[in-house]
């Protein structure tokens, strides 16, 4: 969460960062939540490999990147998703 305002600023996109707490399984299913942390831009997961129906629920999330597993999505994924808003 602490990186997001900087990434948004660096992208040059006028976007609002909203933190949402998913506190129970029912909400996780309703939101198709893939685990924490999940970053979405305009409702779309920044992970290019995300499957909206796979692994939904309260859990910790890992991201498969070119350099291995990470606990947060790479800045580049978030930046790319933000820039797609303007195209």
PDB file of N, CA and C in Angstrom:
ATOM      1  N   UNK A   1       0.827  -1.196   0.000  1.00  0.00           N
ATOM      2  CA  UNK A   1       0.000   0.000   0.000  1.00  0.00           C
ATOM      3  C   UNK A   1       0.870   1.258   0.000  1.00  0.00           C
ATOM      4  N   UNK A   2       1.992   1.206   0.685  1.00  0.00           N
ATOM      5  CA  UNK A   2       2.826   2.405   0.775  1.00  0.00           C
ATOM      6  C   UNK A   2       3.464   2.779  -0.555  1.00  0.00           C
ATOM      7  N   UNK A   3       3.664   1.820  -1.481  1.00  0.00           N
ATOM      8  CA  UNK A   3       4.267   2.109  -2.788  1.00  0.00           C
ATOM      9  C   UNK A   3       3.273   2.707  -3.770  1.00  0.00           C
ATOM     10  N   UNK A   4       1.997   2.429  -3.599  1.00  0.00           N
ATOM     11  CA  UNK A   4       1.007   2.794  -4.616  1.00  0.00           C
ATOM     12  C   UNK A   4       0.923   4.285  -4.918  1.00  0.00           C
ATOM     13  N   UNK A   5       0.882   5.176  -3.935  1.00  0.00           N
ATOM     14  CA  UNK A   5       0.826   6.609  -4.289  1.00  0.00           C
ATOM     15  C   UNK A   5       2.007   7.056  -5.159  1.00  0.00           C
ATOM     16  N   UNK A   6       3.205   6.540  -4.878  1.00  0.00           N
ATOM     17  CA  UNK A   6       4.382   6.891  -5.682  1.00  0.00           C
ATOM     18  C   UNK A   6       4.231   6.357  -7.097  1.00  0.00           C
ATOM     19  N   UNK A   7       3.766   5.117  -7.241  1.00  0.00           N
ATOM     20  CA  UNK A   7       3.604   4.523  -8.571  1.00  0.00           C
ATOM     21  C   UNK A   7       2.572   5.310  -9.372  1.00  0.00           C
ATOM     22  N   UNK A   8       1.472   5.679  -8.736  1.00  0.00           N
ATOM     23  CA  UNK A   8       0.440   6.473  -9.416  1.00  0.00           C
ATOM     24  C   UNK A   8       1.030   7.813  -9.859  1.00  0.00           C
ATOM     25  N   UNK A   9       1.747   8.484  -8.961  1.00  0.00           N
ATOM     26  CA  UNK A   9       2.377   9.765  -9.324  1.00  0.00           C
ATOM     27  C   UNK A   9       3.333   9.601 -10.500  1.00  0.00           C
ATOM     28  N   UNK A  10       4.177   8.551 -10.447  1.00  0.00           N
ATOM     29  CA  UNK A  10       5.153   8.318 -11.510  1.00  0.00           C
ATOM     30  C   UNK A  10       4.489   7.996 -12.848  1.00  0.00           C
ATOM     31  N   UNK A  11       3.290   7.428 -12.810  1.00  0.00           N
ATOM     32  CA  UNK A  11       2.602   7.043 -14.045  1.00  0.00           C
ATOM     33  C   UNK A  11       2.077   8.255 -14.815  1.00  0.00           C
ATOM     34  N   UNK A  12       1.860   9.369 -14.111  1.00  0.00           N
ATOM     35  CA  UNK A  12       1.297  10.547 -14.741  1.00  0.00           C
ATOM     36  C   UNK A  12      -0.212  10.458 -14.928  1.00  0.00           C
ATOM     37  N   UNK A  13      -0.823   9.407 -14.390  1.00  0.00           N
ATOM     38  CA  UNK A  13      -2.267   9.206 -14.506  1.00  0.00           C
ATOM     39  C   UNK A  13      -2.944   9.780 -13.270  1.00  0.00           C
ATOM     40  N   UNK A  14      -4.033  10.480 -13.475  1.00  0.00           N
ATOM     41  CA  UNK A  14      -4.796  11.017 -12.359  1.00  0.00           C
ATOM     42  C   UNK A  14      -5.701   9.903 -11.831  1.00  0.00           C
ATOM     43  N   UNK A  15      -5.254   9.211 -10.790  1.00  0.00           N
ATOM     44  CA  UNK A  15      -5.993   8.075 -10.248  1.00  0.00           C
ATOM     45  C   UNK A  15      -6.059   8.176  -8.738  1.00  0.00           C
ATOM     46  N   UNK A  16      -7.089   7.623  -8.193  1.00  0.00           N
ATOM     47  CA  UNK A  16      -7.313   7.609  -6.751  1.00  0.00           C
ATOM     48  C   UNK A  16      -6.998   6.221  -6.219  1.00  0.00           C
ATOM     49  N   UNK A  17      -6.199   6.133  -5.152  1.00  0.00           N
ATOM     50  CA  UNK A  17      -5.873   4.865  -4.513  1.00  0.00           C
ATOM     51  C   UNK A  17      -6.879   4.636  -3.393  1.00  0.00           C
ATOM     52  N   UNK A  18      -7.564   3.500  -3.462  1.00  0.00           N
ATOM     53  CA  UNK A  18      -8.552   3.140  -2.445  1.00  0.00           C
ATOM     54  C   UNK A  18      -8.149   1.803  -1.851  1.00  0.00           C
ATOM     55  N   UNK A  19      -8.006   1.767  -0.542  1.00  0.00           N
ATOM     56  CA  UNK A  19      -7.711   0.513   0.142  1.00  0.00           C
ATOM     57  C   UNK A  19      -9.013  -0.108   0.613  1.00  0.00           C
ATOM     58  N   UNK A  20      -9.199  -1.384   0.289  1.00  0.00           N
ATOM     59  CA  UNK A  20     -10.405  -2.101   0.719  1.00  0.00           C
ATOM     60  C   UNK A  20      -9.977  -3.270   1.582  1.00  0.00           C
ATOM     61  N   UNK A  21     -10.683  -3.467   2.666  1.00  0.00           N
ATOM     62  CA  UNK A  21     -10.430  -4.592   3.548  1.00  0.00           C
ATOM     63  C   UNK A  21     -11.442  -5.689   3.217  1.00  0.00           C
ATOM     64  N   UNK A  22     -10.935  -6.866   2.902  1.00  0.00           N
ATOM     65  CA  UNK A  22     -11.780  -8.035   2.662  1.00  0.00           C
ATOM     66  C   UNK A  22     -11.649  -8.887   3.924  1.00  0.00           C
ATOM     67  N   UNK A  23     -12.685  -8.886   4.757  1.00  0.00           N
ATOM     68  CA  UNK A  23     -12.575  -9.451   6.096  1.00  0.00           C
ATOM     69  C   UNK A  23     -13.187 -10.829   6.277  1.00  0.00           C
ATOM     70  N   UNK A  24     -13.942 -11.317   5.295  1.00  0.00           N
ATOM     71  CA  UNK A  24     -14.569 -12.630   5.478  1.00  0.00           C
ATOM     72  C   UNK A  24     -14.690 -13.353   4.148  1.00  0.00           C
ATOM     73  N   UNK A  25     -14.908 -14.656   4.228  1.00  0.00           N
ATOM     74  CA  UNK A  25     -14.982 -15.496   3.028  1.00  0.00           C
ATOM     75  C   UNK A  25     -16.112 -15.088   2.090  1.00  0.00           C
ATOM     76  N   UNK A  26     -17.255 -14.702   2.653  1.00  0.00           N
ATOM     77  CA  UNK A  26     -18.392 -14.313   1.806  1.00  0.00           C
ATOM     78  C   UNK A  26     -18.032 -13.096   0.959  1.00  0.00           C
ATOM     79  N   UNK A  27     -17.382 -12.124   1.546  1.00  0.00           N
ATOM     80  CA  UNK A  27     -16.960 -10.938   0.798  1.00  0.00           C
ATOM     81  C   UNK A  27     -15.882 -11.312  -0.219  1.00  0.00           C
ATOM     82  N   UNK A  28     -14.958 -12.184   0.179  1.00  0.00           N
ATOM     83  CA  UNK A  28     -13.904 -12.624  -0.742  1.00  0.00           C
ATOM     84  C   UNK A  28     -14.513 -13.282  -1.979  1.00  0.00           C
ATOM     85  N   UNK A  29     -15.505 -14.133  -1.783  1.00  0.00           N
ATOM     86  CA  UNK A  29     -16.156 -14.779  -2.929  1.00  0.00           C
ATOM     87  C   UNK A  29     -16.911 -13.754  -3.774  1.00  0.00           C
ATOM     88  N   UNK A  30     -17.648 -12.870  -3.117  1.00  0.00           N
ATOM     89  CA  UNK A  30     -18.436 -11.866  -3.845  1.00  0.00           C
ATOM     90  C   UNK A  30     -17.539 -10.943  -4.675  1.00  0.00           C
ATOM     91  N   UNK A  31     -16.369 -10.625  -4.154  1.00  0.00           N
ATOM     92  CA  UNK A  31     -15.433  -9.724  -4.840  1.00  0.00           C
ATOM     93  C   UNK A  31     -14.451 -10.463  -5.743  1.00  0.00           C
ATOM     94  N   UNK A  32     -14.543 -11.801  -5.760  1.00  0.00           N
ATOM     95  CA  UNK A  32     -13.597 -12.632  -6.520  1.00  0.00           C
ATOM     96  C   UNK A  32     -12.163 -12.286  -6.144  1.00  0.00           C
ATOM     97  N   UNK A  33     -11.950 -12.232  -4.828  1.00  0.00           N
ATOM     98  CA  UNK A  33     -10.684 -11.820  -4.229  1.00  0.00           C
ATOM     99  C   UNK A  33      -9.687 -12.974  -4.300  1.00  0.00           C
ATOM    100  N   UNK A  34      -8.534 -12.740  -4.907  1.00  0.00           N
ATOM    101  CA  UNK A  34      -7.530 -13.782  -5.122  1.00  0.00           C
ATOM    102  C   UNK A  34      -6.482 -13.851  -4.027  1.00  0.00           C
ATOM    103  N   UNK A  35      -6.645 -13.109  -2.959  1.00  0.00           N
ATOM    104  CA  UNK A  35      -5.697 -13.128  -1.852  1.00  0.00           C
ATOM    105  C   UNK A  35      -5.055 -11.776  -1.641  1.00  0.00           C
ATOM    106  N   UNK A  36      -4.355 -11.684  -0.520  1.00  0.00           N
ATOM    107  CA  UNK A  36      -3.762 -10.412  -0.119  1.00  0.00           C
ATOM    108  C   UNK A  36      -2.253 -10.447  -0.344  1.00  0.00           C
ATOM    109  N   UNK A  37      -1.721  -9.426  -0.981  1.00  0.00           N
ATOM    110  CA  UNK A  37      -2.387  -8.237  -1.495  1.00  0.00           C
ATOM    111  C   UNK A  37      -2.883  -8.435  -2.928  1.00  0.00           C
ATOM    112  N   UNK A  38      -4.001  -7.854  -3.224  1.00  0.00           N
ATOM    113  CA  UNK A  38      -4.514  -7.794  -4.587  1.00  0.00           C
ATOM    114  C   UNK A  38      -4.552  -6.331  -4.992  1.00  0.00           C
ATOM    115  N   UNK A  39      -4.039  -6.039  -6.172  1.00  0.00           N
ATOM    116  CA  UNK A  39      -4.064  -4.678  -6.709  1.00  0.00           C
ATOM    117  C   UNK A  39      -4.876  -4.705  -7.994  1.00  0.00           C
ATOM    118  N   UNK A  40      -5.893  -3.869  -8.039  1.00  0.00           N
ATOM    119  CA  UNK A  40      -6.730  -3.749  -9.231  1.00  0.00           C
ATOM    120  C   UNK A  40      -6.720  -2.314  -9.706  1.00  0.00           C
ATOM    121  N   UNK A  41      -6.759  -2.143 -11.008  1.00  0.00           N
ATOM    122  CA  UNK A  41      -6.881  -0.830 -11.621  1.00  0.00           C
ATOM    123  C   UNK A  41      -8.162  -0.852 -12.441  1.00  0.00           C
ATOM    124  N   UNK A  42      -9.070   0.018 -12.090  1.00  0.00           N
ATOM    125  CA  UNK A  42     -10.374   0.086 -12.752  1.00  0.00           C
ATOM    126  C   UNK A  42     -11.070  -1.277 -12.704  1.00  0.00           C
ATOM    127  N   UNK A  43     -10.897  -1.973 -11.563  1.00  0.00           N
ATOM    128  CA  UNK A  43     -11.555  -3.252 -11.336  1.00  0.00           C
ATOM    129  C   UNK A  43     -10.859  -4.460 -11.920  1.00  0.00           C
ATOM    130  N   UNK A  44      -9.747  -4.251 -12.620  1.00  0.00           N
ATOM    131  CA  UNK A  44      -9.037  -5.352 -13.272  1.00  0.00           C
ATOM    132  C   UNK A  44      -7.720  -5.622 -12.542  1.00  0.00           C
ATOM    133  N   UNK A  45      -7.500  -6.891 -12.219  1.00  0.00           N
ATOM    134  CA  UNK A  45      -6.283  -7.298 -11.526  1.00  0.00           C
ATOM    135  C   UNK A  45      -5.064  -6.931 -12.369  1.00  0.00           C
ATOM    136  N   UNK A  46      -4.019  -6.403 -11.731  1.00  0.00           N
ATOM    137  CA  UNK A  46      -2.808  -6.018 -12.460  1.00  0.00           C
ATOM    138  C   UNK A  46      -1.971  -7.219 -12.875  1.00  0.00           C
ATOM    139  N   UNK A  47      -2.214  -8.382 -12.295  1.00  0.00           N
ATOM    140  CA  UNK A  47      -1.471  -9.590 -12.614  1.00  0.00           C
ATOM    141  C   UNK A  47      -1.930 -10.119 -13.973  1.00  0.00           C
ATOM    142  N   UNK A  48      -1.045 -10.142 -14.962  1.00  0.00           N
ATOM    143  CA  UNK A  48      -1.453 -10.615 -16.278  1.00  0.00           C
ATOM    144  C   UNK A  48      -1.807 -12.100 -16.292  1.00  0.00           C
ATOM    145  N   UNK A  49      -1.481 -12.814 -15.222  1.00  0.00           N
ATOM    146  CA  UNK A  49      -1.760 -14.240 -15.130  1.00  0.00           C
ATOM    147  C   UNK A  49      -2.936 -14.544 -14.209  1.00  0.00           C
ATOM    148  N   UNK A  50      -3.618 -13.510 -13.734  1.00  0.00           N
ATOM    149  CA  UNK A  50      -4.718 -13.703 -12.782  1.00  0.00           C
ATOM    150  C   UNK A  50      -5.869 -14.450 -13.434  1.00  0.00           C
ATOM    151  N   UNK A  51      -6.424 -15.323 -12.658  1.00  0.00           N
ATOM    152  CA  UNK A  51      -7.626 -16.036 -13.091  1.00  0.00           C
ATOM    153  C   UNK A  51      -8.709 -15.699 -12.080  1.00  0.00           C
ATOM    154  N   UNK A  52      -9.709 -14.957 -12.512  1.00  0.00           N
ATOM    155  CA  UNK A  52     -10.734 -14.451 -11.608  1.00  0.00           C
ATOM    156  C   UNK A  52     -11.479 -15.554 -10.866  1.00  0.00           C
ATOM    157  N   UNK A  53     -11.523 -16.753 -11.380  1.00  0.00           N
ATOM    158  CA  UNK A  53     -12.272 -17.806 -10.721  1.00  0.00           C
ATOM    159  C   UNK A  53     -11.423 -18.793  -9.960  1.00  0.00           C
ATOM    160  N   UNK A  54     -10.109 -18.662 -10.025  1.00  0.00           N
ATOM    161  CA  UNK A  54      -9.222 -19.652  -9.424  1.00  0.00           C
ATOM    162  C   UNK A  54      -8.627 -19.133  -8.118  1.00  0.00           C
ATOM    163  N   UNK A  55      -8.766 -19.899  -7.054  1.00  0.00           N
ATOM    164  CA  UNK A  55      -8.139 -19.554  -5.791  1.00  0.00           C
ATOM    165  C   UNK A  55      -8.781 -18.396  -5.059  1.00  0.00           C
ATOM    166  N   UNK A  56     -10.079 -18.200  -5.234  1.00  0.00           N
ATOM    167  CA  UNK A  56     -10.775 -17.105  -4.574  1.00  0.00           C
ATOM    168  C   UNK A  56     -10.892 -17.398  -3.082  1.00  0.00           C
ATOM    169  N   UNK A  57     -10.598 -16.408  -2.239  1.00  0.00           N
ATOM    170  CA  UNK A  57     -10.768 -16.567  -0.804  1.00  0.00           C
ATOM    171  C   UNK A  57      -9.767 -15.754  -0.015  1.00  0.00           C
ATOM    172  N   UNK A  58      -9.857 -15.899   1.299  1.00  0.00           N
ATOM    173  CA  UNK A  58      -8.933 -15.209   2.195  1.00  0.00           C
ATOM    174  C   UNK A  58      -7.647 -16.015   2.270  1.00  0.00           C
ATOM    175  N   UNK A  59      -6.584 -15.457   1.743  1.00  0.00           N
ATOM    176  CA  UNK A  59      -5.289 -16.122   1.775  1.00  0.00           C
ATOM    177  C   UNK A  59      -4.206 -15.097   1.472  1.00  0.00           C
ATOM    178  N   UNK A  60      -2.974 -15.507   1.690  1.00  0.00           N
ATOM    179  CA  UNK A  60      -1.848 -14.684   1.251  1.00  0.00           C
ATOM    180  C   UNK A  60      -1.628 -14.992  -0.219  1.00  0.00           C
ATOM    181  N   UNK A  61      -1.178 -14.023  -0.947  1.00  0.00           N
ATOM    182  CA  UNK A  61      -1.029 -14.171  -2.389  1.00  0.00           C
ATOM    183  C   UNK A  61       0.421 -14.014  -2.790  1.00  0.00           C
ATOM    184  N   UNK A  62       0.858 -14.847  -3.728  1.00  0.00           N
ATOM    185  CA  UNK A  62       2.175 -14.723  -4.321  1.00  0.00           C
ATOM    186  C   UNK A  62       2.013 -14.429  -5.803  1.00  0.00           C
ATOM    187  N   UNK A  63       2.948 -13.697  -6.349  1.00  0.00           N
ATOM    188  CA  UNK A  63       2.931 -13.309  -7.751  1.00  0.00           C
ATOM    189  C   UNK A  63       4.092 -13.984  -8.472  1.00  0.00           C
ATOM    190  N   UNK A  64       3.787 -14.671  -9.587  1.00  0.00           N
ATOM    191  CA  UNK A  64       4.817 -15.287 -10.437  1.00  0.00           C
ATOM    192  C   UNK A  64       5.359 -14.228 -11.388  1.00  0.00           C
ATOM    193  N   UNK A  65       6.616 -13.910 -11.214  1.00  0.00           N
ATOM    194  CA  UNK A  65       7.256 -12.909 -12.067  1.00  0.00           C
ATOM    195  C   UNK A  65       8.414 -13.557 -12.815  1.00  0.00           C
ATOM    196  N   UNK A  66       8.999 -12.821 -13.702  1.00  0.00           N
ATOM    197  CA  UNK A  66      10.153 -13.322 -14.462  1.00  0.00           C
ATOM    198  C   UNK A  66      11.335 -13.640 -13.553  1.00  0.00           C
ATOM    199  N   UNK A  67      11.397 -13.003 -12.396  1.00  0.00           N
ATOM    200  CA  UNK A  67      12.511 -13.222 -11.475  1.00  0.00           C
ATOM    201  C   UNK A  67      12.153 -14.158 -10.324  1.00  0.00           C
ATOM    202  N   UNK A  68      10.963 -14.754 -10.367  1.00  0.00           N
ATOM    203  CA  UNK A  68      10.550 -15.679  -9.311  1.00  0.00           C
ATOM    204  C   UNK A  68       9.306 -15.187  -8.598  1.00  0.00           C
ATOM    205  N   UNK A  69       8.971 -15.852  -7.509  1.00  0.00           N
ATOM    206  CA  UNK A  69       7.790 -15.477  -6.736  1.00  0.00           C
ATOM    207  C   UNK A  69       8.046 -14.223  -5.912  1.00  0.00           C
ATOM    208  N   UNK A  70       7.032 -13.365  -5.868  1.00  0.00           N
ATOM    209  CA  UNK A  70       7.098 -12.139  -5.059  1.00  0.00           C
ATOM    210  C   UNK A  70       5.821 -12.022  -4.233  1.00  0.00           C
ATOM    211  N   UNK A  71       5.921 -11.331  -3.119  1.00  0.00           N
ATOM    212  CA  UNK A  71       4.774 -11.121  -2.244  1.00  0.00           C
ATOM    213  C   UNK A  71       3.898  -9.948  -2.641  1.00  0.00           C
ATOM    214  N   UNK A  72       4.340  -9.153  -3.605  1.00  0.00           N
ATOM    215  CA  UNK A  72       3.555  -8.024  -4.119  1.00  0.00           C
ATOM    216  C   UNK A  72       3.744  -7.962  -5.629  1.00  0.00           C
ATOM    217  N   UNK A  73       2.769  -7.387  -6.340  1.00  0.00           N
ATOM    218  CA  UNK A  73       2.950  -7.280  -7.783  1.00  0.00           C
ATOM    219  C   UNK A  73       4.072  -6.296  -8.112  1.00  0.00           C
ATOM    220  N   UNK A  74       4.833  -6.572  -9.160  1.00  0.00           N
ATOM    221  CA  UNK A  74       5.893  -5.648  -9.558  1.00  0.00           C
ATOM    222  C   UNK A  74       5.331  -4.273  -9.926  1.00  0.00           C
ATOM    223  N   UNK A  75       6.094  -3.244  -9.633  1.00  0.00           N
ATOM    224  CA  UNK A  75       5.688  -1.879  -9.968  1.00  0.00           C
ATOM    225  C   UNK A  75       5.320  -1.753 -11.448  1.00  0.00           C
ATOM    226  N   UNK A  76       6.049  -2.457 -12.319  1.00  0.00           N
ATOM    227  CA  UNK A  76       5.809  -2.361 -13.760  1.00  0.00           C
ATOM    228  C   UNK A  76       4.400  -2.810 -14.125  1.00  0.00           C
ATOM    229  N   UNK A  77       3.881  -3.848 -13.458  1.00  0.00           N
ATOM    230  CA  UNK A  77       2.531  -4.322 -13.741  1.00  0.00           C
ATOM    231  C   UNK A  77       1.513  -3.254 -13.393  1.00  0.00           C
ATOM    232  N   UNK A  78       1.718  -2.610 -12.246  1.00  0.00           N
ATOM    233  CA  UNK A  78       0.781  -1.570 -11.804  1.00  0.00           C
ATOM    234  C   UNK A  78       0.860  -0.376 -12.750  1.00  0.00           C
ATOM    235  N   UNK A  79       2.071   0.016 -13.094  1.00  0.00           N
ATOM    236  CA  UNK A  79       2.287   1.141 -14.009  1.00  0.00           C
ATOM    237  C   UNK A  79       1.623   0.869 -15.359  1.00  0.00           C
ATOM    238  N   UNK A  80       1.798  -0.338 -15.899  1.00  0.00           N
ATOM    239  CA  UNK A  80       1.204  -0.697 -17.188  1.00  0.00           C
ATOM    240  C   UNK A  80      -0.321  -0.613 -17.117  1.00  0.00           C
ATOM    241  N   UNK A  81      -0.904  -1.127 -16.034  1.00  0.00           N
ATOM    242  CA  UNK A  81      -2.363  -1.090 -15.873  1.00  0.00           C
ATOM    243  C   UNK A  81      -2.861   0.352 -15.789  1.00  0.00           C
ATOM    244  N   UNK A  82      -2.140   1.213 -15.088  1.00  0.00           N
ATOM    245  CA  UNK A  82      -2.523   2.613 -14.993  1.00  0.00           C
ATOM    246  C   UNK A  82      -2.450   3.298 -16.355  1.00  0.00           C
ATOM    247  N   UNK A  83      -1.410   3.054 -17.076  1.00  0.00           N
ATOM    248  CA  UNK A  83      -1.237   3.704 -18.379  1.00  0.00           C
ATOM    249  C   UNK A  83      -2.260   3.231 -19.395  1.00  0.00           C
ATOM    250  N   UNK A  84      -2.781   2.028 -19.244  1.00  0.00           N
ATOM    251  CA  UNK A  84      -3.806   1.532 -20.143  1.00  0.00           C
ATOM    252  C   UNK A  84      -5.120   2.306 -19.964  1.00  0.00           C
ATOM    253  N   UNK A  85      -5.273   2.968 -18.838  1.00  0.00           N
ATOM    254  CA  UNK A  85      -6.467   3.785 -18.611  1.00  0.00           C
ATOM    255  C   UNK A  85      -6.543   4.946 -19.596  1.00  0.00           C
ATOM    256  N   UNK A  86      -5.390   5.411 -20.053  1.00  0.00           N
ATOM    257  CA  UNK A  86      -5.355   6.578 -20.903  1.00  0.00           C
ATOM    258  C   UNK A  86      -5.348   6.232 -22.391  1.00  0.00           C
ATOM    259  N   UNK A  87      -5.336   4.943 -22.722  1.00  0.00           N
ATOM    260  CA  UNK A  87      -5.289   4.566 -24.137  1.00  0.00           C
ATOM    261  C   UNK A  87      -6.676   4.207 -24.650  1.00  0.00           C
TER     262      UNK A  87
END
